Amino acid sequence: MKNGKLQIGIIGCGGIANGKHMPALAKLKDMAEMVAFCDIIEERAIAAAQKYGTPDAKVYVDYKELLKDDSIDVVHVLTPNVSHCPITVDAFDAGKHVMCEKPMAASAADAKKMLDAAKRSGKKFTIGYQNRFRDEIQTLYRACRQGALGEIYFAKAHAVRRRGVPTWGVFTDKEKQGGGPLIDIGTHALDLTLWLMDNYKPKSVTGSVFYKLKDKPEGNMMGPWDPAKFDVEDSAFGFIKMENGATIFLEAAWALNTTDVREAATTLCGTEGGAEIKAGAFGRPELVFNSVKYGKLFEERPQSAPPIAYFGPNAETEGDREARQWLQAIINDTEPLVKPEQAFVVTQILEAIYISAQTGKTVEF
């Protein structure tokens, strides 16, 4: 630390860095400052340094050069999925704390290497699952921990877009990303569902993966994609059985002919009641509890009071909360909310869905 502030290096200055991480860190100047920026496209690193960096912020095109700076305490790994593992492992070997954007890795083997490197280093490690910090998710988590749903034995993890293929960056490049909507947005839905259930012991996974709509780019809300550069799945589905018998159905799609659209959402069914996130990332998220009371079927919708104009607090996003909690975990030597061991199980299950779809067999753990 320098002047009582964590020194942060940003590796990868693309969309997620500019959309979430750097704006959130910029609001936490009392705890940290961004002092180094790296990107294989130098102009992006220069632009990030000028907008978010300290006056003497350094710019790199080789992340290994950034890691040689002993004054850097923390790095944020915000690069394409397949590069998460080597950069994260090198960062731990260089003695840095690491925030890695989701998914943890493109394969379970890579995720295990990252986990082992973190344990060797003794440094903090977390994964960018910011949806845990949403208001309605926090409310649902408290309800689950207090036993309001009883034993949660069935769940659905929702990550479905009707036509929402990201047409920038390398999202549709399997070589760099490792997969499509399953590994991109399905990972958020599965993370939320496992976390809310507090169940990280899968027994078996059966999956289906489809490549049906890559040649039909019409109507995409992010503009038409190039079918010639679309070599990942457009939808994927998984049937997951846990060791205690609980069952999860995971649905993930960038393109699917359905009107039942919701993302980073979940449905939980327990012995005492159920709960559902109705909208998720699309539209205003709505949490609905269901139960039986007074001999009748009941539904309850918790209310979130909006801030009062001129007097309310500044709007805080889930990305802001994620960044603040992460820095506090380092400063106070506490556990981050998103533990790497949990993210590792998410990666294991996602990989098992791909393997099951490819082999036509159920993957046993």
Protein backbone atom coordinates (compact mmCIF):
# COMPACT_ATOMS: atom_id res chain seq x y z
CA MET A 1 0.00 0.00 0.00
CA LYS A 2 1.06 3.55 -0.67
CA ASN A 3 -0.27 6.50 1.30
CA GLY A 4 -2.70 4.10 2.96
CA LYS A 5 -4.21 3.07 -0.38
CA LEU A 6 -4.15 -0.20 -2.29
CA GLN A 7 -2.26 0.08 -5.57
CA ILE A 8 -4.24 -1.55 -8.39
CA GLY A 9 -3.18 -2.76 -11.82
CA ILE A 10 -5.80 -3.31 -14.53
CA ILE A 11 -5.07 -6.12 -17.03
CA GLY A 12 -7.48 -5.84 -19.92
CA CYS A 13 -9.01 -2.44 -20.68
CA GLY A 14 -11.98 -3.49 -22.80
CA GLY A 15 -15.74 -3.55 -22.27
CA ILE A 16 -16.06 -5.04 -18.79
CA ALA A 17 -13.19 -2.90 -17.49
CA ASN A 18 -14.82 0.30 -18.74
CA GLY A 19 -18.36 -0.81 -18.00
CA LYS A 20 -17.91 -2.08 -14.44
CA HIS A 21 -14.50 -2.32 -12.79
CA MET A 22 -12.78 1.00 -13.46
CA PRO A 23 -15.83 3.23 -12.82
CA ALA A 24 -16.49 1.36 -9.55
CA LEU A 25 -12.87 1.61 -8.37
CA ALA A 26 -12.81 5.30 -9.25
CA LYS A 27 -15.50 5.87 -6.59
CA LEU A 28 -13.30 4.31 -3.92
CA LYS A 29 -10.39 6.75 -3.90
CA ASP A 30 -10.21 6.57 -0.11
CA MET A 31 -9.20 2.90 -0.34
CA ALA A 32 -7.39 2.44 -3.64
CA GLU A 33 -5.95 4.00 -6.75
CA MET A 34 -5.34 2.62 -10.21
CA VAL A 35 -1.66 2.95 -11.03
CA ALA A 36 -1.09 0.62 -13.99
CA PHE A 37 -3.03 -0.38 -17.11
CA CYS A 38 -2.30 -3.17 -19.57
CA ASP A 39 -3.93 -4.12 -22.85
CA ILE A 40 -2.65 -5.77 -26.03
CA ILE A 41 -4.12 -2.73 -27.81
CA GLU A 42 -1.96 0.03 -26.37
CA GLU A 43 -4.41 2.81 -27.24
CA ARG A 44 -7.02 1.27 -24.93
CA ALA A 45 -4.58 1.13 -22.04
CA ILE A 46 -3.53 4.74 -22.66
CA ALA A 47 -7.15 5.91 -22.73
CA ALA A 48 -7.92 4.05 -19.49
CA ALA A 49 -4.87 5.50 -17.76
CA GLN A 50 -5.81 9.02 -18.80
CA LYS A 51 -9.39 8.64 -17.56
CA TYR A 52 -8.95 6.58 -14.40
CA GLY A 53 -5.27 6.46 -13.48
CA THR A 54 -3.07 8.44 -11.14
CA PRO A 55 -1.00 11.20 -12.78
CA ASP A 56 2.00 8.87 -12.96
CA ALA A 57 0.05 5.76 -14.02
CA LYS A 58 2.02 3.34 -16.18
CA VAL A 59 0.88 1.72 -19.41
CA TYR A 60 1.82 -1.77 -20.62
CA VAL A 61 1.08 -4.10 -23.51
CA ASP A 62 2.67 -7.12 -21.77
CA TYR A 63 1.01 -8.07 -18.49
CA LYS A 64 4.20 -9.77 -17.29
CA GLU A 65 5.93 -6.40 -17.24
CA LEU A 66 3.13 -4.96 -15.11
CA LEU A 67 3.48 -7.84 -12.64
CA LYS A 68 7.16 -6.98 -12.09
CA ASP A 69 6.13 -3.78 -10.32
CA ASP A 70 6.42 -4.63 -6.62
CA SER A 71 4.41 -1.57 -5.62
CA ILE A 72 1.22 -3.04 -7.13
CA ASP A 73 -0.88 -4.82 -4.49
CA VAL A 74 -3.89 -5.95 -6.52
CA VAL A 75 -4.61 -6.84 -10.14
CA HIS A 76 -7.95 -7.13 -11.90
CA VAL A 77 -7.86 -9.73 -14.69
CA LEU A 78 -10.41 -8.52 -17.26
CA THR A 79 -9.36 -10.40 -20.39
CA PRO A 80 -10.97 -13.08 -22.61
CA ASN A 81 -11.84 -16.29 -20.76
CA VAL A 82 -9.03 -18.55 -21.99
CA SER A 83 -6.37 -16.13 -20.71
CA HIS A 84 -7.77 -15.94 -17.16
CA CYS A 85 -5.71 -18.89 -15.96
CA PRO A 86 -2.17 -17.99 -17.08
CA ILE A 87 -2.51 -14.33 -16.07
CA THR A 88 -4.04 -15.15 -12.68
CA VAL A 89 -1.43 -17.81 -11.87
CA ASP A 90 1.38 -15.43 -12.83
CA ALA A 91 -0.19 -12.68 -10.71
CA PHE A 92 -0.27 -14.90 -7.64
CA ASP A 93 3.30 -15.98 -8.26
CA ALA A 94 4.17 -12.28 -8.32
CA GLY A 95 2.53 -11.80 -4.91
CA LYS A 96 -0.62 -9.93 -5.97
CA HIS A 97 -4.22 -10.20 -4.79
CA VAL A 98 -6.46 -11.08 -7.75
CA MET A 99 -9.96 -10.16 -8.83
CA CYS A 100 -10.72 -12.21 -11.98
CA GLU A 101 -13.76 -11.50 -14.08
CA LYS A 102 -16.25 -14.35 -14.56
CA PRO A 103 -16.15 -17.13 -15.54
CA MET A 104 -13.25 -18.30 -13.41
CA ALA A 105 -11.75 -20.17 -16.37
CA ALA A 106 -12.61 -21.85 -19.65
CA SER A 107 -11.98 -25.31 -18.14
CA ALA A 108 -12.05 -26.98 -14.76
CA ALA A 109 -8.36 -27.89 -15.09
CA ASP A 110 -7.44 -24.23 -15.54
CA ALA A 111 -9.67 -23.21 -12.65
CA LYS A 112 -7.91 -25.75 -10.42
CA LYS A 113 -4.52 -24.27 -11.37
CA MET A 114 -5.78 -20.83 -10.35
CA LEU A 115 -7.15 -22.12 -7.06
CA ASP A 116 -3.88 -23.89 -6.25
CA ALA A 117 -1.84 -20.77 -7.11
CA ALA A 118 -4.01 -18.66 -4.80
CA LYS A 119 -3.51 -21.10 -1.93
CA ARG A 120 0.26 -21.15 -2.48
CA SER A 121 0.46 -17.38 -2.45
CA GLY A 122 -1.74 -16.75 0.56
CA LYS A 123 -3.28 -13.79 -1.30
CA LYS A 124 -6.96 -12.89 -1.67
CA PHE A 125 -8.83 -14.23 -4.68
CA THR A 126 -12.34 -13.57 -5.94
CA ILE A 127 -14.40 -13.86 -9.14
CA GLY A 128 -16.59 -11.16 -10.68
CA TYR A 129 -20.08 -12.44 -9.92
CA GLN A 130 -21.55 -9.01 -9.19
CA ASN A 131 -25.18 -10.18 -9.38
CA ARG A 132 -24.90 -11.47 -5.82
CA PHE A 133 -24.86 -7.82 -4.73
CA ARG A 134 -28.26 -6.92 -6.24
CA ASP A 135 -30.84 -5.80 -3.67
CA GLU A 136 -33.38 -8.51 -4.40
CA ILE A 137 -30.70 -11.22 -4.43
CA GLN A 138 -29.44 -10.10 -1.03
CA THR A 139 -33.02 -10.21 0.31
CA LEU A 140 -33.55 -13.69 -1.10
CA TYR A 141 -30.23 -14.87 0.33
CA ARG A 142 -31.22 -13.72 3.83
CA ALA A 143 -34.57 -15.49 3.47
CA CYS A 144 -32.86 -18.72 2.42
CA ARG A 145 -30.37 -18.58 5.29
CA GLN A 146 -33.20 -17.96 7.78
CA GLY A 147 -35.02 -21.06 6.54
CA ALA A 148 -37.99 -19.29 4.97
CA LEU A 149 -38.06 -21.77 2.06
CA GLY A 150 -37.19 -24.83 4.11
CA GLU A 151 -35.16 -27.47 2.26
CA ILE A 152 -34.57 -26.24 -1.31
CA TYR A 153 -34.74 -29.39 -3.41
CA PHE A 154 -35.51 -28.06 -6.90
CA ALA A 155 -34.30 -24.96 -8.72
CA LYS A 156 -34.07 -23.38 -12.15
CA ALA A 157 -31.17 -21.15 -13.20
CA HIS A 158 -32.32 -18.74 -15.93
CA ALA A 159 -30.07 -16.98 -18.48
CA VAL A 160 -32.22 -16.65 -21.59
CA ARG A 161 -32.22 -13.96 -24.26
CA ARG A 162 -34.51 -14.05 -27.26
CA ARG A 163 -31.96 -12.37 -29.54
CA GLY A 164 -29.13 -10.93 -27.49
CA VAL A 165 -25.87 -12.06 -29.05
CA PRO A 166 -23.00 -9.72 -28.11
CA THR A 167 -21.49 -8.55 -31.38
CA TRP A 168 -18.35 -6.87 -30.07
CA GLY A 169 -15.09 -8.24 -28.73
CA VAL A 170 -14.48 -11.99 -28.94
CA PHE A 171 -17.73 -13.32 -27.48
CA THR A 172 -18.49 -15.55 -30.48
CA ASP A 173 -14.89 -16.81 -30.79
CA LYS A 174 -14.69 -20.25 -29.18
CA GLU A 175 -10.90 -20.29 -29.22
CA LYS A 176 -10.70 -17.21 -26.99
CA GLN A 177 -13.86 -17.61 -24.92
CA GLY A 178 -14.20 -21.38 -24.55
CA GLY A 179 -17.93 -21.24 -25.23
CA GLY A 180 -20.97 -19.06 -25.79
CA PRO A 181 -23.99 -18.17 -23.64
CA LEU A 182 -23.47 -21.07 -21.23
CA ILE A 183 -20.07 -19.84 -20.09
CA ASP A 184 -20.95 -16.15 -20.55
CA ILE A 185 -24.35 -15.62 -18.90
CA GLY A 186 -25.27 -19.13 -17.76
CA THR A 187 -22.39 -18.86 -15.31
CA HIS A 188 -24.13 -15.96 -13.49
CA ALA A 189 -27.44 -17.82 -13.17
CA LEU A 190 -25.75 -20.98 -11.91
CA ASP A 191 -23.60 -19.04 -9.44
CA LEU A 192 -26.67 -17.35 -7.95
CA THR A 193 -28.61 -20.60 -7.70
CA LEU A 194 -25.84 -22.60 -6.01
CA TRP A 195 -25.10 -19.73 -3.63
CA LEU A 196 -28.73 -19.27 -2.61
CA MET A 197 -29.14 -23.02 -2.11
CA ASP A 198 -25.77 -23.19 -0.30
CA ASN A 199 -25.14 -26.44 -2.16
CA TYR A 200 -21.81 -27.07 -3.88
CA LYS A 201 -21.77 -30.86 -4.15
CA PRO A 202 -22.84 -31.97 -7.65
CA LYS A 203 -23.33 -35.68 -8.30
CA SER A 204 -24.15 -35.82 -12.02
CA VAL A 205 -24.73 -33.54 -14.99
CA THR A 206 -26.55 -34.14 -18.26
CA GLY A 207 -26.38 -31.46 -20.94
CA SER A 208 -27.62 -30.41 -24.35
CA VAL A 209 -25.88 -27.78 -26.47
CA PHE A 210 -27.32 -26.33 -29.69
CA TYR A 211 -25.90 -24.54 -32.74
CA LYS A 212 -29.20 -23.87 -34.47
CA LEU A 213 -29.57 -20.11 -35.04
CA LYS A 214 -26.07 -18.90 -35.94
CA ASP A 215 -27.17 -18.24 -39.54
CA LYS A 216 -30.21 -16.16 -38.45
CA PRO A 217 -28.83 -12.82 -37.22
CA GLU A 218 -31.99 -10.82 -37.91
CA GLY A 219 -33.59 -9.02 -34.98
CA ASN A 220 -30.58 -9.13 -32.68
CA MET A 221 -30.88 -6.28 -30.16
CA MET A 222 -27.12 -5.68 -30.38
CA GLY A 223 -27.05 -5.59 -34.16
CA PRO A 224 -26.52 -8.40 -36.67
CA TRP A 225 -23.62 -10.75 -36.08
CA ASP A 226 -21.36 -12.31 -38.68
CA PRO A 227 -22.35 -16.00 -39.04
CA ALA A 228 -18.86 -16.78 -40.37
CA LYS A 229 -17.37 -15.68 -37.04
CA PHE A 230 -19.96 -17.38 -34.83
CA ASP A 231 -18.49 -20.71 -33.73
CA VAL A 232 -19.96 -21.03 -30.21
CA GLU A 233 -23.33 -22.45 -29.17
CA ASP A 234 -26.45 -20.26 -29.32
CA SER A 235 -28.14 -22.13 -26.45
CA ALA A 236 -27.37 -24.79 -23.86
CA PHE A 237 -29.26 -26.64 -21.16
CA GLY A 238 -28.18 -28.69 -18.16
CA PHE A 239 -29.83 -31.11 -15.75
CA ILE A 240 -27.81 -31.16 -12.53
CA LYS A 241 -28.30 -33.58 -9.64
CA MET A 242 -26.66 -32.82 -6.33
CA GLU A 243 -25.37 -35.32 -3.78
CA ASN A 244 -28.31 -34.68 -1.45
CA GLY A 245 -30.83 -35.33 -4.25
CA ALA A 246 -31.57 -31.68 -5.04
CA THR A 247 -32.01 -30.98 -8.75
CA ILE A 248 -31.21 -27.88 -10.81
CA PHE A 249 -32.26 -27.10 -14.40
CA LEU A 250 -29.97 -24.57 -16.09
CA GLU A 251 -31.01 -22.75 -19.26
CA ALA A 252 -28.69 -20.40 -21.14
CA ALA A 253 -29.26 -18.78 -24.52
CA TRP A 254 -28.19 -15.78 -26.53
CA ALA A 255 -30.69 -16.67 -29.25
CA LEU A 256 -33.82 -18.71 -28.62
CA ASN A 257 -37.33 -18.50 -30.04
CA THR A 258 -39.12 -17.81 -26.77
CA THR A 259 -40.80 -14.90 -25.04
CA ASP A 260 -39.86 -16.17 -21.57
CA VAL A 261 -36.76 -14.01 -21.33
CA ARG A 262 -34.79 -13.43 -18.14
CA GLU A 263 -31.14 -13.33 -17.18
CA ALA A 264 -29.16 -13.77 -13.96
CA ALA A 265 -32.38 -15.07 -12.45
CA THR A 266 -33.43 -18.09 -10.44
CA THR A 267 -36.43 -20.10 -9.29
CA LEU A 268 -36.18 -21.90 -5.95
CA CYS A 269 -38.62 -24.51 -4.64
CA GLY A 270 -38.45 -25.59 -1.00
CA THR A 271 -40.45 -27.56 1.51
CA GLU A 272 -41.78 -24.42 3.24
CA GLY A 273 -42.15 -22.14 0.25
CA GLY A 274 -40.67 -20.93 -2.99
CA ALA A 275 -39.15 -17.83 -4.52
CA GLU A 276 -38.55 -16.53 -8.01
CA ILE A 277 -36.70 -13.67 -9.66
CA LYS A 278 -39.15 -12.66 -12.37
CA ALA A 279 -37.12 -10.32 -14.56
CA GLY A 280 -33.47 -10.66 -13.67
CA ALA A 281 -31.11 -8.52 -15.72
CA PHE A 282 -33.83 -7.52 -18.23
CA GLY A 283 -36.29 -4.98 -16.94
CA ARG A 284 -36.79 -4.18 -13.27
CA PRO A 285 -35.95 -7.27 -11.19
CA GLU A 286 -38.89 -8.53 -9.17
CA LEU A 287 -38.63 -10.96 -6.27
CA VAL A 288 -41.73 -13.04 -5.58
CA PHE A 289 -42.12 -15.39 -2.63
CA ASN A 290 -44.84 -18.04 -2.66
CA SER A 291 -46.24 -20.07 0.22
CA VAL A 292 -49.41 -21.34 1.85
CA LYS A 293 -50.94 -19.23 4.63
CA TYR A 294 -54.30 -19.40 6.39
CA GLY A 295 -55.30 -22.26 4.13
CA LYS A 296 -54.70 -20.17 0.98
CA LEU A 297 -51.97 -19.87 -1.64
CA PHE A 298 -50.01 -16.67 -1.03
CA GLU A 299 -47.60 -14.56 -3.08
CA GLU A 300 -45.51 -11.79 -1.53
CA ARG A 301 -43.45 -9.11 -3.28
CA PRO A 302 -40.96 -7.23 -1.09
CA GLN A 303 -40.85 -3.51 -1.74
CA SER A 304 -37.64 -1.57 -2.34
CA ALA A 305 -38.00 2.10 -1.46
CA PRO A 306 -36.44 4.41 -4.08
CA PRO A 307 -34.17 7.23 -2.86
CA ILE A 308 -35.85 10.57 -2.18
CA ALA A 309 -34.95 13.22 -4.76
CA TYR A 310 -32.13 15.53 -3.62
CA PHE A 311 -31.86 13.80 -0.23
CA GLY A 312 -31.35 10.15 -1.10
CA PRO A 313 -27.96 8.47 -1.46
CA ASN A 314 -26.19 8.37 -4.79
CA ALA A 315 -27.18 5.42 -6.93
CA GLU A 316 -24.92 2.47 -6.21
CA THR A 317 -24.68 -0.40 -8.68
CA GLU A 318 -23.97 -4.01 -7.87
CA GLY A 319 -20.57 -3.46 -9.48
CA ASP A 320 -19.87 -0.64 -7.01
CA ARG A 321 -20.80 -2.89 -4.09
CA GLU A 322 -18.68 -5.70 -5.45
CA ALA A 323 -15.62 -3.45 -5.70
CA ARG A 324 -16.09 -1.97 -2.24
CA GLN A 325 -16.54 -5.36 -0.58
CA TRP A 326 -13.49 -6.75 -2.42
CA LEU A 327 -11.20 -3.94 -1.30
CA GLN A 328 -12.51 -4.16 2.26
CA ALA A 329 -11.76 -7.89 2.29
CA ILE A 330 -8.12 -7.16 1.44
CA ILE A 331 -7.73 -4.26 3.86
CA ASN A 332 -9.50 -6.02 6.75
CA ASP A 333 -8.17 -9.51 5.94
CA THR A 334 -11.65 -11.02 5.64
CA GLU A 335 -13.21 -13.44 3.15
CA PRO A 336 -14.60 -11.92 -0.06
CA LEU A 337 -18.28 -12.65 -0.68
CA VAL A 338 -17.47 -14.68 -3.80
CA LYS A 339 -15.11 -17.46 -2.77
CA PRO A 340 -12.93 -19.06 -5.48
CA GLU A 341 -13.86 -22.55 -4.27
CA GLN A 342 -17.49 -21.75 -5.11
CA ALA A 343 -16.58 -20.41 -8.56
CA PHE A 344 -14.55 -23.56 -9.18
CA VAL A 345 -17.68 -25.72 -8.75
CA VAL A 346 -19.55 -23.48 -11.20
CA THR A 347 -16.81 -24.04 -13.78
CA GLN A 348 -16.85 -27.80 -13.15
CA ILE A 349 -20.60 -27.98 -13.82
CA LEU A 350 -20.47 -25.80 -16.94
CA GLU A 351 -17.67 -27.94 -18.38
CA ALA A 352 -19.67 -31.09 -17.57
CA ILE A 353 -22.63 -29.76 -19.58
CA TYR A 354 -20.38 -29.28 -22.62
CA ILE A 355 -18.83 -32.74 -22.16
CA SER A 356 -22.20 -34.42 -21.72
CA ALA A 357 -23.56 -32.77 -24.84
CA GLN A 358 -20.52 -33.82 -26.85
CA THR A 359 -20.45 -37.44 -25.64
CA GLY A 360 -24.18 -38.00 -25.22
CA LYS A 361 -23.52 -39.34 -21.73
CA THR A 362 -24.19 -38.18 -18.19
CA VAL A 363 -21.08 -36.89 -16.44
CA GLU A 364 -20.65 -38.37 -12.97
CA PHE A 365 -18.68 -36.51 -10.28
